[in-house]
Amino acid sequence: MGHFFTHLFAEVSPTYANLIHADFQSIIDHHGVLDEKLKAVFTAYVALAPAEKTEVQQAYNNNSSIEQICNNVIKPAKFSELPVSIQDSLKALYGSKGALYSMLTAKDDYDAIKNRCGSLKGHFEKFREQNKLSVCPFCGMENLLTDYDDAKNEYDHYLSKGDYPFCSIDFNNLTPICDYCNKSGNKGQKDIPFEPRSNPQIQAELYYPYSSAFPDHNIQLTINATDTDLSEIDTWTLSIECIPAANTRRKTRWLEIYNIESRYKAKIAGDSYQWKDRIVSKHSLRCKKNNVPFADFKDDILDDFATPLKWNNGVLMKCFDEFIMNDPNCEANLDGIIII
């Protein structure tokens, strides 16, 4: 597709046949609808006025720059912002029900691509070779499938394929994600580059999923409560801060997109009894039975999730352990009766 648009934009008098890369031809031959949709885009584009062609070219370049969009350096273009005469043909090619996406979901069409280019499962396995952690990178709570599983997690369209042309098959815009993050009510089909709570016209700074620009980035969670009973979810708060503070706007948008605060609090409230029981049991075994000093026991508990991203809910259990163990009354409660 890059070959198609690069040559379409570059040639003064392009012809459709010259725009199809040789490696792509066998897929087009199998998928007749794709040939039809590509020709429709070609016909609509060549009929545009010069200024309109420039608009489409700019939209293509912008929407192919996912990291710059996330950094709020450039503005992504929506289908509705393109010249009217080319909107429908681009939606039929790139949209939520477009020909390119349907090739990856319709079995016969997908089999033809798989035989020619390899499978999505194979791509997922290569991805997992680079990222061994099985925790969802967007929430830190749920499992991702491993490359040994028969199935794979969905690839999420970070920028919605229903809103943004040229993004539906861009792997810089596709990320493995857990089902809970991807479901409606969390991310779903949210228009993530734009702020919904203040002004939907204001573009937000986002975390770019594949960025390595912030090696020291960290999310810090703090439970604010007057006692250790967290089952009443409305009686305590959860502070979620980021380091460096320069990423605060990205953090705020992440919280909104994935409904993070509500999900974190629900998990802590629902599982805090079992998490406290784990501490009580370990204290009984180590301190009461084996006479381990409390200071050493505390260090061990706080070390359990020192690398929280390696464990499902590790970020939450690390936060919870810090909340319990840093309570001034912790040792006395454990030696007597901890309030659960």
C-alpha atoms as a PDB file:
ATOM      1  CA  MET A   1       0.000   0.000   0.000  1.00  0.00           C
ATOM      2  CA  GLY A   2       2.945   2.308   0.618  1.00  0.00           C
ATOM      3  CA  HIS A   3       4.108   1.606  -2.931  1.00  0.00           C
ATOM      4  CA  PHE A   4       0.611   2.349  -4.252  1.00  0.00           C
ATOM      5  CA  PHE A   5       0.289   5.754  -2.622  1.00  0.00           C
ATOM      6  CA  THR A   6       3.917   6.815  -3.011  1.00  0.00           C
ATOM      7  CA  HIS A   7       3.717   6.325  -6.771  1.00  0.00           C
ATOM      8  CA  LEU A   8       0.199   7.715  -7.010  1.00  0.00           C
ATOM      9  CA  PHE A   9       1.371  10.943  -5.375  1.00  0.00           C
ATOM     10  CA  ALA A  10       4.692  11.150  -7.227  1.00  0.00           C
ATOM     11  CA  GLU A  11       3.692  10.536 -10.837  1.00  0.00           C
ATOM     12  CA  VAL A  12       2.386  13.401 -12.933  1.00  0.00           C
ATOM     13  CA  SER A  13       0.119  11.127 -14.982  1.00  0.00           C
ATOM     14  CA  PRO A  14      -0.148   7.891 -13.000  1.00  0.00           C
ATOM     15  CA  THR A  15      -1.688   4.743 -14.435  1.00  0.00           C
ATOM     16  CA  TYR A  16      -3.363   2.210 -12.170  1.00  0.00           C
ATOM     17  CA  ALA A  17      -1.270  -0.757 -13.346  1.00  0.00           C
ATOM     18  CA  ASN A  18       1.985   0.992 -12.402  1.00  0.00           C
ATOM     19  CA  LEU A  19       0.845   1.486  -8.823  1.00  0.00           C
ATOM     20  CA  ILE A  20       0.584  -2.190  -7.895  1.00  0.00           C
ATOM     21  CA  HIS A  21       3.714  -3.737  -6.422  1.00  0.00           C
ATOM     22  CA  ALA A  22       4.542  -7.121  -7.943  1.00  0.00           C
ATOM     23  CA  ASP A  23       4.438  -8.801  -4.517  1.00  0.00           C
ATOM     24  CA  PHE A  24       0.920  -7.462  -3.986  1.00  0.00           C
ATOM     25  CA  GLN A  25      -0.526  -8.609  -7.290  1.00  0.00           C
ATOM     26  CA  SER A  26      -1.286 -12.201  -6.281  1.00  0.00           C
ATOM     27  CA  ILE A  27      -3.277 -10.962  -3.277  1.00  0.00           C
ATOM     28  CA  ILE A  28      -5.227  -8.541  -5.452  1.00  0.00           C
ATOM     29  CA  ASP A  29      -5.876 -11.292  -7.995  1.00  0.00           C
ATOM     30  CA  HIS A  30      -7.403 -13.462  -5.271  1.00  0.00           C
ATOM     31  CA  HIS A  31      -9.333 -10.626  -3.657  1.00  0.00           C
ATOM     32  CA  GLY A  32     -11.354  -9.110  -6.499  1.00  0.00           C
ATOM     33  CA  VAL A  33     -13.107  -6.607  -4.250  1.00  0.00           C
ATOM     34  CA  LEU A  34      -9.738  -5.159  -3.270  1.00  0.00           C
ATOM     35  CA  ASP A  35      -8.912  -4.493  -6.919  1.00  0.00           C
ATOM     36  CA  GLU A  36     -12.243  -2.720  -7.301  1.00  0.00           C
ATOM     37  CA  LYS A  37     -11.691  -0.554  -4.200  1.00  0.00           C
ATOM     38  CA  LEU A  38      -8.145   0.382  -5.178  1.00  0.00           C
ATOM     39  CA  LYS A  39      -9.311   1.445  -8.618  1.00  0.00           C
ATOM     40  CA  ALA A  40     -12.032   3.560  -7.021  1.00  0.00           C
ATOM     41  CA  VAL A  41      -9.449   5.386  -4.880  1.00  0.00           C
ATOM     42  CA  PHE A  42      -7.241   5.860  -7.938  1.00  0.00           C
ATOM     43  CA  THR A  43     -10.107   7.269 -10.011  1.00  0.00           C
ATOM     44  CA  ALA A  44     -11.268   9.605  -7.238  1.00  0.00           C
ATOM     45  CA  TYR A  45      -7.763  10.889  -6.590  1.00  0.00           C
ATOM     46  CA  VAL A  46      -6.788  11.689 -10.180  1.00  0.00           C
ATOM     47  CA  ALA A  47     -10.032  13.674 -10.547  1.00  0.00           C
ATOM     48  CA  LEU A  48      -9.190  15.965  -7.612  1.00  0.00           C
ATOM     49  CA  ALA A  49      -8.055  19.528  -8.004  1.00  0.00           C
ATOM     50  CA  PRO A  50      -4.352  20.138  -7.263  1.00  0.00           C
ATOM     51  CA  ALA A  51      -5.073  21.660  -3.836  1.00  0.00           C
ATOM     52  CA  GLU A  52      -7.270  18.673  -2.932  1.00  0.00           C
ATOM     53  CA  LYS A  53      -4.543  16.249  -3.971  1.00  0.00           C
ATOM     54  CA  THR A  54      -2.185  18.072  -1.618  1.00  0.00           C
ATOM     55  CA  GLU A  55      -4.737  17.606   1.196  1.00  0.00           C
ATOM     56  CA  VAL A  56      -4.834  13.859   0.621  1.00  0.00           C
ATOM     57  CA  GLN A  57      -1.052  13.628   0.450  1.00  0.00           C
ATOM     58  CA  GLN A  58      -0.716  15.549   3.700  1.00  0.00           C
ATOM     59  CA  ALA A  59      -3.313  13.322   5.356  1.00  0.00           C
ATOM     60  CA  TYR A  60      -1.417  10.215   4.237  1.00  0.00           C
ATOM     61  CA  ASN A  61       1.906  11.558   5.549  1.00  0.00           C
ATOM     62  CA  ASN A  62       0.414  12.701   8.853  1.00  0.00           C
ATOM     63  CA  ASN A  63      -1.522   9.493   9.526  1.00  0.00           C
ATOM     64  CA  SER A  64       1.564   7.429   8.775  1.00  0.00           C
ATOM     65  CA  SER A  65       3.427   9.246  11.560  1.00  0.00           C
ATOM     66  CA  ILE A  66       1.867   7.607  14.621  1.00  0.00           C
ATOM     67  CA  GLU A  67       4.609   8.594  17.057  1.00  0.00           C
ATOM     68  CA  GLN A  68       4.466  12.259  16.013  1.00  0.00           C
ATOM     69  CA  ILE A  69       0.682  12.192  16.426  1.00  0.00           C
ATOM     70  CA  CYS A  70       1.095  10.802  19.946  1.00  0.00           C
ATOM     71  CA  ASN A  71       3.621  13.535  20.730  1.00  0.00           C
ATOM     72  CA  ASN A  72       1.129  16.149  19.492  1.00  0.00           C
ATOM     73  CA  VAL A  73       3.612  17.342  16.881  1.00  0.00           C
ATOM     74  CA  ILE A  74       1.247  16.803  13.969  1.00  0.00           C
ATOM     75  CA  LYS A  75      -2.513  16.495  13.665  1.00  0.00           C
ATOM     76  CA  PRO A  76      -4.067  13.314  12.268  1.00  0.00           C
ATOM     77  CA  ALA A  77      -6.609  13.663   9.483  1.00  0.00           C
ATOM     78  CA  LYS A  78     -10.046  12.093   9.682  1.00  0.00           C
ATOM     79  CA  PHE A  79     -12.110  10.728   6.817  1.00  0.00           C
ATOM     80  CA  SER A  80     -14.511  13.652   7.262  1.00  0.00           C
ATOM     81  CA  GLU A  81     -11.703  16.186   6.748  1.00  0.00           C
ATOM     82  CA  LEU A  82     -10.710  14.890   3.315  1.00  0.00           C
ATOM     83  CA  PRO A  83     -12.195  16.100   0.009  1.00  0.00           C
ATOM     84  CA  VAL A  84     -15.773  14.823  -0.139  1.00  0.00           C
ATOM     85  CA  SER A  85     -15.311  13.089  -3.479  1.00  0.00           C
ATOM     86  CA  ILE A  86     -12.653  10.702  -2.130  1.00  0.00           C
ATOM     87  CA  GLN A  87     -14.053   9.989   1.345  1.00  0.00           C
ATOM     88  CA  ASP A  88     -16.303   7.067   0.411  1.00  0.00           C
ATOM     89  CA  SER A  89     -13.682   5.275  -1.694  1.00  0.00           C
ATOM     90  CA  LEU A  90     -11.084   5.580   1.075  1.00  0.00           C
ATOM     91  CA  LYS A  91     -13.581   4.306   3.671  1.00  0.00           C
ATOM     92  CA  ALA A  92     -14.357   1.341   1.418  1.00  0.00           C
ATOM     93  CA  LEU A  93     -10.636   0.579   1.339  1.00  0.00           C
ATOM     94  CA  TYR A  94      -9.421   1.526   4.836  1.00  0.00           C
ATOM     95  CA  GLY A  95     -12.489   1.922   7.074  1.00  0.00           C
ATOM     96  CA  SER A  96     -13.880  -0.336   9.790  1.00  0.00           C
ATOM     97  CA  LYS A  97     -15.550  -2.526   7.153  1.00  0.00           C
ATOM     98  CA  GLY A  98     -13.092  -1.722   4.385  1.00  0.00           C
ATOM     99  CA  ALA A  99     -11.554  -4.199   1.965  1.00  0.00           C
ATOM    100  CA  LEU A 100      -8.079  -4.139   3.545  1.00  0.00           C
ATOM    101  CA  TYR A 101      -9.330  -4.972   7.016  1.00  0.00           C
ATOM    102  CA  SER A 102     -11.827  -7.551   5.775  1.00  0.00           C
ATOM    103  CA  MET A 103      -8.968  -9.459   4.141  1.00  0.00           C
ATOM    104  CA  LEU A 104      -7.646 -10.175   7.627  1.00  0.00           C
ATOM    105  CA  THR A 105     -11.011 -11.296   9.005  1.00  0.00           C
ATOM    106  CA  ALA A 106     -12.655 -13.255   6.157  1.00  0.00           C
ATOM    107  CA  LYS A 107     -11.231 -16.789   6.238  1.00  0.00           C
ATOM    108  CA  ASP A 108     -10.771 -17.425   2.507  1.00  0.00           C
ATOM    109  CA  ASP A 109      -9.181 -14.042   1.935  1.00  0.00           C
ATOM    110  CA  TYR A 110      -6.982 -14.336   5.006  1.00  0.00           C
ATOM    111  CA  ASP A 111      -5.770 -17.800   3.969  1.00  0.00           C
ATOM    112  CA  ALA A 112      -4.558 -16.344   0.683  1.00  0.00           C
ATOM    113  CA  ILE A 113      -2.611 -13.641   2.516  1.00  0.00           C
ATOM    114  CA  LYS A 114      -1.272 -16.123   5.061  1.00  0.00           C
ATOM    115  CA  ASN A 115       0.049 -18.391   2.319  1.00  0.00           C
ATOM    116  CA  ARG A 116       1.751 -15.442   0.653  1.00  0.00           C
ATOM    117  CA  CYS A 117       2.921 -13.326   3.578  1.00  0.00           C
ATOM    118  CA  GLY A 118       2.685 -15.379   6.763  1.00  0.00           C
ATOM    119  CA  SER A 119       0.058 -15.409   9.502  1.00  0.00           C
ATOM    120  CA  LEU A 120      -0.959 -12.866  12.104  1.00  0.00           C
ATOM    121  CA  LYS A 121      -0.213 -15.554  14.692  1.00  0.00           C
ATOM    122  CA  GLY A 122       3.312 -15.787  13.307  1.00  0.00           C
ATOM    123  CA  HIS A 123       3.683 -12.031  13.564  1.00  0.00           C
ATOM    124  CA  PHE A 124       2.377 -12.178  17.142  1.00  0.00           C
ATOM    125  CA  GLU A 125       4.971 -14.836  17.978  1.00  0.00           C
ATOM    126  CA  LYS A 126       7.744 -12.627  16.589  1.00  0.00           C
ATOM    127  CA  PHE A 127       6.397  -9.767  18.636  1.00  0.00           C
ATOM    128  CA  ARG A 128       6.479 -11.906  21.792  1.00  0.00           C
ATOM    129  CA  GLU A 129      10.086 -12.853  21.079  1.00  0.00           C
ATOM    130  CA  GLN A 130      10.892  -9.170  21.546  1.00  0.00           C
ATOM    131  CA  ASN A 131       8.626  -8.748  24.577  1.00  0.00           C
ATOM    132  CA  LYS A 132       8.699 -11.748  26.913  1.00  0.00           C
ATOM    133  CA  LEU A 133       6.424 -10.200  29.539  1.00  0.00           C
ATOM    134  CA  SER A 134       2.941 -11.708  29.586  1.00  0.00           C
ATOM    135  CA  VAL A 135       1.283  -8.698  31.233  1.00  0.00           C
ATOM    136  CA  CYS A 136      -0.864  -6.320  29.195  1.00  0.00           C
ATOM    137  CA  PRO A 137       1.349  -3.243  28.598  1.00  0.00           C
ATOM    138  CA  PHE A 138      -1.638  -0.891  28.750  1.00  0.00           C
ATOM    139  CA  CYS A 139      -3.061  -1.786  32.178  1.00  0.00           C
ATOM    140  CA  GLY A 140      -0.514  -4.024  33.913  1.00  0.00           C
ATOM    141  CA  MET A 141      -3.386  -6.194  35.144  1.00  0.00           C
ATOM    142  CA  GLU A 142      -4.370  -8.896  32.679  1.00  0.00           C
ATOM    143  CA  ASN A 143      -2.496 -11.689  30.932  1.00  0.00           C
ATOM    144  CA  LEU A 144      -1.467 -11.595  27.316  1.00  0.00           C
ATOM    145  CA  LEU A 145      -1.400 -14.963  25.585  1.00  0.00           C
ATOM    146  CA  THR A 146       2.032 -16.447  25.020  1.00  0.00           C
ATOM    147  CA  ASP A 147       3.443 -17.504  21.681  1.00  0.00           C
ATOM    148  CA  TYR A 148       2.806 -21.110  22.803  1.00  0.00           C
ATOM    149  CA  ASP A 149      -0.968 -20.602  22.910  1.00  0.00           C
ATOM    150  CA  ASP A 150      -3.037 -21.686  19.917  1.00  0.00           C
ATOM    151  CA  ALA A 151      -4.721 -18.289  19.773  1.00  0.00           C
ATOM    152  CA  LYS A 152      -3.348 -14.754  20.056  1.00  0.00           C
ATOM    153  CA  ASN A 153      -4.504 -11.487  21.564  1.00  0.00           C
ATOM    154  CA  GLU A 154      -6.185  -8.968  19.310  1.00  0.00           C
ATOM    155  CA  TYR A 155      -4.178  -6.207  17.721  1.00  0.00           C
ATOM    156  CA  ASP A 156      -5.743  -2.958  18.869  1.00  0.00           C
ATOM    157  CA  HIS A 157      -6.021  -0.026  16.466  1.00  0.00           C
ATOM    158  CA  TYR A 158      -4.515   2.692  18.640  1.00  0.00           C
ATOM    159  CA  LEU A 159      -5.993   5.316  16.298  1.00  0.00           C
ATOM    160  CA  SER A 160      -9.458   4.106  15.397  1.00  0.00           C
ATOM    161  CA  LYS A 161      -9.792   2.581  11.939  1.00  0.00           C
ATOM    162  CA  GLY A 162     -13.291   4.052  11.821  1.00  0.00           C
ATOM    163  CA  ASP A 163     -12.015   7.615  12.160  1.00  0.00           C
ATOM    164  CA  TYR A 164      -8.623   7.748  10.504  1.00  0.00           C
ATOM    165  CA  PRO A 165      -7.761   6.806   6.912  1.00  0.00           C
ATOM    166  CA  PHE A 166      -4.537   4.921   6.150  1.00  0.00           C
ATOM    167  CA  CYS A 167      -4.224   3.594   9.750  1.00  0.00           C
ATOM    168  CA  SER A 168      -6.112   0.297   9.690  1.00  0.00           C
ATOM    169  CA  ILE A 169      -3.180  -1.874   8.570  1.00  0.00           C
ATOM    170  CA  ASP A 170      -0.261   0.222   9.823  1.00  0.00           C
ATOM    171  CA  PHE A 171       1.585  -1.958  12.330  1.00  0.00           C
ATOM    172  CA  ASN A 172       2.907   1.160  14.087  1.00  0.00           C
ATOM    173  CA  ASN A 173      -0.770   1.681  14.938  1.00  0.00           C
ATOM    174  CA  LEU A 174      -1.428  -1.944  15.960  1.00  0.00           C
ATOM    175  CA  THR A 175      -0.580  -3.234  19.415  1.00  0.00           C
ATOM    176  CA  PRO A 176      -1.315  -6.482  21.311  1.00  0.00           C
ATOM    177  CA  ILE A 177      -3.717  -5.651  24.108  1.00  0.00           C
ATOM    178  CA  CYS A 178      -5.769  -7.529  26.688  1.00  0.00           C
ATOM    179  CA  ASP A 179      -9.482  -8.030  26.101  1.00  0.00           C
ATOM    180  CA  TYR A 180     -10.449  -5.819  29.047  1.00  0.00           C
ATOM    181  CA  CYS A 181      -8.499  -2.809  27.786  1.00  0.00           C
ATOM    182  CA  ASN A 182      -9.893  -3.236  24.294  1.00  0.00           C
ATOM    183  CA  LYS A 183     -13.546  -3.684  25.241  1.00  0.00           C
ATOM    184  CA  SER A 184     -16.253  -1.086  24.871  1.00  0.00           C
ATOM    185  CA  GLY A 185     -16.408   1.023  28.031  1.00  0.00           C
ATOM    186  CA  ASN A 186     -12.628   1.100  28.299  1.00  0.00           C
ATOM    187  CA  LYS A 187     -10.787   1.965  25.091  1.00  0.00           C
ATOM    188  CA  GLY A 188     -13.189   0.508  22.548  1.00  0.00           C
ATOM    189  CA  GLN A 189     -13.471   2.900  19.602  1.00  0.00           C
ATOM    190  CA  LYS A 190     -12.521   6.066  21.487  1.00  0.00           C
ATOM    191  CA  ASP A 191     -11.027   8.896  19.455  1.00  0.00           C
ATOM    192  CA  ILE A 192      -7.890   8.894  21.575  1.00  0.00           C
ATOM    193  CA  PRO A 193      -5.938  11.894  20.178  1.00  0.00           C
ATOM    194  CA  PHE A 194      -8.618  14.338  21.263  1.00  0.00           C
ATOM    195  CA  GLU A 195      -9.708  15.406  24.741  1.00  0.00           C
ATOM    196  CA  PRO A 196     -13.328  14.444  25.453  1.00  0.00           C
ATOM    197  CA  ARG A 197     -13.655  15.943  28.939  1.00  0.00           C
ATOM    198  CA  SER A 198     -12.550  19.489  28.189  1.00  0.00           C
ATOM    199  CA  ASN A 199     -12.817  20.309  24.506  1.00  0.00           C
ATOM    200  CA  PRO A 200     -13.042  17.578  21.843  1.00  0.00           C
ATOM    201  CA  GLN A 201     -11.165  19.850  19.442  1.00  0.00           C
ATOM    202  CA  ILE A 202      -8.022  19.944  21.611  1.00  0.00           C
ATOM    203  CA  GLN A 203      -5.431  17.344  20.657  1.00  0.00           C
ATOM    204  CA  ALA A 204      -3.884  15.434  23.557  1.00  0.00           C
ATOM    205  CA  GLU A 205      -0.404  14.116  24.184  1.00  0.00           C
ATOM    206  CA  LEU A 206      -0.436  10.320  24.251  1.00  0.00           C
ATOM    207  CA  TYR A 207       1.925   7.564  25.213  1.00  0.00           C
ATOM    208  CA  TYR A 208       3.287   6.073  21.996  1.00  0.00           C
ATOM    209  CA  PRO A 209       3.212   2.309  22.662  1.00  0.00           C
ATOM    210  CA  TYR A 210       6.548   1.599  20.967  1.00  0.00           C
ATOM    211  CA  SER A 211       8.463   4.601  22.305  1.00  0.00           C
ATOM    212  CA  SER A 212      11.868   4.168  23.914  1.00  0.00           C
ATOM    213  CA  ALA A 213      12.183   7.896  24.588  1.00  0.00           C
ATOM    214  CA  PHE A 214      11.471   7.628  28.326  1.00  0.00           C
ATOM    215  CA  PRO A 215      13.647   4.846  29.780  1.00  0.00           C
ATOM    216  CA  ASP A 216      13.158   6.115  33.344  1.00  0.00           C
ATOM    217  CA  HIS A 217       9.398   6.517  33.078  1.00  0.00           C
ATOM    218  CA  ASN A 218       7.441   5.168  36.019  1.00  0.00           C
ATOM    219  CA  ILE A 219       3.868   5.157  37.318  1.00  0.00           C
ATOM    220  CA  GLN A 220       3.550   5.499  41.100  1.00  0.00           C
ATOM    221  CA  LEU A 221       0.398   4.387  42.921  1.00  0.00           C
ATOM    222  CA  THR A 222      -0.503   5.382  46.466  1.00  0.00           C
ATOM    223  CA  ILE A 223      -3.507   4.173  48.472  1.00  0.00           C
ATOM    224  CA  ASN A 224      -4.911   6.906  50.714  1.00  0.00           C
ATOM    225  CA  ALA A 225      -7.028   5.351  53.462  1.00  0.00           C
ATOM    226  CA  THR A 226      -7.559   5.683  57.214  1.00  0.00           C
ATOM    227  CA  ASP A 227      -7.613   1.919  57.865  1.00  0.00           C
ATOM    228  CA  THR A 228      -6.716  -1.283  56.070  1.00  0.00           C
ATOM    229  CA  ASP A 229     -10.282  -2.248  55.166  1.00  0.00           C
ATOM    230  CA  LEU A 230     -10.530  -1.269  51.486  1.00  0.00           C
ATOM    231  CA  SER A 231     -13.714  -3.198  50.702  1.00  0.00           C
ATOM    232  CA  GLU A 232     -15.775   0.016  50.832  1.00  0.00           C
ATOM    233  CA  ILE A 233     -14.475   1.508  47.611  1.00  0.00           C
ATOM    234  CA  ASP A 234     -15.832   5.018  48.224  1.00  0.00           C
ATOM    235  CA  THR A 235     -14.014   5.463  51.553  1.00  0.00           C
ATOM    236  CA  TRP A 236     -10.490   5.685  50.111  1.00  0.00           C
ATOM    237  CA  THR A 237      -8.688   7.186  47.137  1.00  0.00           C
ATOM    238  CA  LEU A 238      -5.904   6.103  44.809  1.00  0.00           C
ATOM    239  CA  SER A 239      -3.247   8.584  43.714  1.00  0.00           C
ATOM    240  CA  ILE A 240      -1.707   7.850  40.314  1.00  0.00           C
ATOM    241  CA  GLU A 241       1.368   9.918  39.515  1.00  0.00           C
ATOM    242  CA  CYS A 242       4.040   9.598  36.857  1.00  0.00           C
ATOM    243  CA  ILE A 243       7.777  10.215  36.691  1.00  0.00           C
ATOM    244  CA  PRO A 244       8.949  12.326  34.980  1.00  0.00           C
ATOM    245  CA  ALA A 245       6.218  14.868  35.665  1.00  0.00           C
ATOM    246  CA  ALA A 246       6.602  16.092  32.069  1.00  0.00           C
ATOM    247  CA  ASN A 247       4.468  13.091  31.098  1.00  0.00           C
ATOM    248  CA  THR A 248       1.521  14.142  33.257  1.00  0.00           C
ATOM    249  CA  ARG A 249      -0.669  15.016  30.259  1.00  0.00           C
ATOM    250  CA  ARG A 250       0.078  11.631  28.696  1.00  0.00           C
ATOM    251  CA  LYS A 251      -0.730   9.940  32.002  1.00  0.00           C
ATOM    252  CA  THR A 252      -4.043  11.790  32.300  1.00  0.00           C
ATOM    253  CA  ARG A 253      -5.116  10.723  28.833  1.00  0.00           C
ATOM    254  CA  TRP A 254      -4.058   7.115  29.531  1.00  0.00           C
ATOM    255  CA  LEU A 255      -6.259   7.105  32.640  1.00  0.00           C
ATOM    256  CA  GLU A 256      -9.224   8.325  30.573  1.00  0.00           C
ATOM    257  CA  ILE A 257      -8.709   6.020  27.605  1.00  0.00           C
ATOM    258  CA  TYR A 258      -8.456   2.762  29.557  1.00  0.00           C
ATOM    259  CA  ASN A 259     -10.647   3.673  32.554  1.00  0.00           C
ATOM    260  CA  ILE A 260      -7.604   2.934  34.702  1.00  0.00           C
ATOM    261  CA  GLU A 261      -8.481   4.476  38.063  1.00  0.00           C
ATOM    262  CA  SER A 262     -11.872   2.775  38.275  1.00  0.00           C
ATOM    263  CA  ARG A 263     -10.439  -0.587  37.233  1.00  0.00           C
ATOM    264  CA  TYR A 264      -7.511  -0.330  39.654  1.00  0.00           C
ATOM    265  CA  LYS A 265      -9.717   0.594  42.602  1.00  0.00           C
ATOM    266  CA  ALA A 266     -12.200  -2.186  41.807  1.00  0.00           C
ATOM    267  CA  LYS A 267      -9.405  -4.778  41.710  1.00  0.00           C
ATOM    268  CA  ILE A 268      -7.817  -3.566  44.942  1.00  0.00           C
ATOM    269  CA  ALA A 269     -11.166  -3.462  46.755  1.00  0.00           C
ATOM    270  CA  GLY A 270     -12.159  -6.898  45.476  1.00  0.00           C
ATOM    271  CA  ASP A 271      -8.861  -8.687  46.180  1.00  0.00           C
ATOM    272  CA  SER A 272      -7.473  -6.826  49.203  1.00  0.00           C
ATOM    273  CA  TYR A 273      -8.733  -9.522  51.603  1.00  0.00           C
ATOM    274  CA  GLN A 274      -6.696 -12.242  49.836  1.00  0.00           C
ATOM    275  CA  TRP A 275      -3.680  -9.947  49.499  1.00  0.00           C
ATOM    276  CA  LYS A 276      -3.741  -9.202  53.249  1.00  0.00           C
ATOM    277  CA  ASP A 277      -4.214 -12.879  54.041  1.00  0.00           C
ATOM    278  CA  ARG A 278      -1.017 -13.601  52.085  1.00  0.00           C
ATOM    279  CA  ILE A 279       0.905 -11.128  54.288  1.00  0.00           C
ATOM    280  CA  VAL A 280      -0.616 -12.540  57.478  1.00  0.00           C
ATOM    281  CA  SER A 281       0.264 -16.122  56.467  1.00  0.00           C
ATOM    282  CA  LYS A 282       3.841 -15.220  55.553  1.00  0.00           C
ATOM    283  CA  HIS A 283       4.257 -13.293  58.815  1.00  0.00           C
ATOM    284  CA  SER A 284       2.994 -16.264  60.808  1.00  0.00           C
ATOM    285  CA  LEU A 285       5.427 -18.610  59.062  1.00  0.00           C
ATOM    286  CA  ARG A 286       8.488 -16.393  59.058  1.00  0.00           C
ATOM    287  CA  CYS A 287       8.245 -14.189  62.144  1.00  0.00           C
ATOM    288  CA  LYS A 288       6.207 -16.226  64.600  1.00  0.00           C
ATOM    289  CA  LYS A 289       7.467 -19.678  63.631  1.00  0.00           C
ATOM    290  CA  ASN A 290      11.008 -18.987  62.397  1.00  0.00           C
ATOM    291  CA  ASN A 291      11.768 -15.842  64.420  1.00  0.00           C
ATOM    292  CA  VAL A 292      12.687 -13.707  61.441  1.00  0.00           C
ATOM    293  CA  PRO A 293      13.006 -10.040  62.567  1.00  0.00           C
ATOM    294  CA  PHE A 294      10.113  -7.888  61.447  1.00  0.00           C
ATOM    295  CA  ALA A 295      12.420  -5.456  59.617  1.00  0.00           C
ATOM    296  CA  ASP A 296      13.734  -8.316  57.447  1.00  0.00           C
ATOM    297  CA  PHE A 297      10.213  -9.607  56.887  1.00  0.00           C
ATOM    298  CA  LYS A 298       9.076  -6.141  55.788  1.00  0.00           C
ATOM    299  CA  ASP A 299      11.978  -5.866  53.342  1.00  0.00           C
ATOM    300  CA  ASP A 300      11.083  -9.249  51.857  1.00  0.00           C
ATOM    301  CA  ILE A 301       7.421  -8.317  51.395  1.00  0.00           C
ATOM    302  CA  LEU A 302       8.329  -5.025  49.752  1.00  0.00           C
ATOM    303  CA  ASP A 303      10.763  -6.854  47.443  1.00  0.00           C
ATOM    304  CA  ASP A 304       8.139  -9.347  46.224  1.00  0.00           C
ATOM    305  CA  PHE A 305       6.941  -6.972  43.482  1.00  0.00           C
ATOM    306  CA  ALA A 306      10.058  -4.864  43.058  1.00  0.00           C
ATOM    307  CA  THR A 307       9.703  -5.531  39.323  1.00  0.00           C
ATOM    308  CA  PRO A 308       5.900  -5.215  39.132  1.00  0.00           C
ATOM    309  CA  LEU A 309       5.523  -5.354  35.352  1.00  0.00           C
ATOM    310  CA  LYS A 310       6.576  -9.012  35.400  1.00  0.00           C
ATOM    311  CA  TRP A 311       3.402 -10.026  37.245  1.00  0.00           C
ATOM    312  CA  ASN A 312      -0.301  -9.740  36.576  1.00  0.00           C
ATOM    313  CA  ASN A 313      -1.556  -6.980  38.880  1.00  0.00           C
ATOM    314  CA  GLY A 314       2.021  -6.506  40.055  1.00  0.00           C
ATOM    315  CA  VAL A 315       1.656  -2.714  39.972  1.00  0.00           C
ATOM    316  CA  LEU A 316      -1.402  -2.992  42.235  1.00  0.00           C
ATOM    317  CA  MET A 317       0.062  -5.557  44.632  1.00  0.00           C
ATOM    318  CA  LYS A 318       3.254  -3.507  44.989  1.00  0.00           C
ATOM    319  CA  CYS A 319       1.135  -0.487  45.872  1.00  0.00           C
ATOM    320  CA  PHE A 320      -0.954  -2.545  48.312  1.00  0.00           C
ATOM    321  CA  ASP A 321       2.086  -4.081  50.039  1.00  0.00           C
ATOM    322  CA  GLU A 322       3.570  -0.603  50.510  1.00  0.00           C
ATOM    323  CA  PHE A 323       0.270   0.613  51.968  1.00  0.00           C
ATOM    324  CA  ILE A 324       0.115  -2.247  54.505  1.00  0.00           C
ATOM    325  CA  MET A 325       3.784  -2.523  55.435  1.00  0.00           C
ATOM    326  CA  ASN A 326       4.357   1.227  55.846  1.00  0.00           C
ATOM    327  CA  ASP A 327       1.472   1.511  58.302  1.00  0.00           C
ATOM    328  CA  PRO A 328       3.025   2.475  61.685  1.00  0.00           C
ATOM    329  CA  ASN A 329       0.785  -0.114  63.367  1.00  0.00           C
ATOM    330  CA  CYS A 330       1.623  -2.920  60.941  1.00  0.00           C
ATOM    331  CA  GLU A 331       3.864  -4.980  63.241  1.00  0.00           C
ATOM    332  CA  ALA A 332       1.471  -4.710  66.160  1.00  0.00           C
ATOM    333  CA  ASN A 333      -1.480  -5.689  64.000  1.00  0.00           C
ATOM    334  CA  LEU A 334       0.365  -8.706  62.597  1.00  0.00           C
ATOM    335  CA  ASP A 335       1.457  -9.795  66.066  1.00  0.00           C
ATOM    336  CA  GLY A 336      -2.129  -9.504  67.254  1.00  0.00           C
ATOM    337  CA  ILE A 337      -5.182  -9.279  65.036  1.00  0.00           C
ATOM    338  CA  ILE A 338      -4.963  -7.499  61.712  1.00  0.00           C
ATOM    339  CA  ILE A 339      -8.183  -5.809  60.684  1.00  0.00           C
ATOM    340  CA  ILE A 340      -9.344  -7.504  57.478  1.00  0.00           C
END
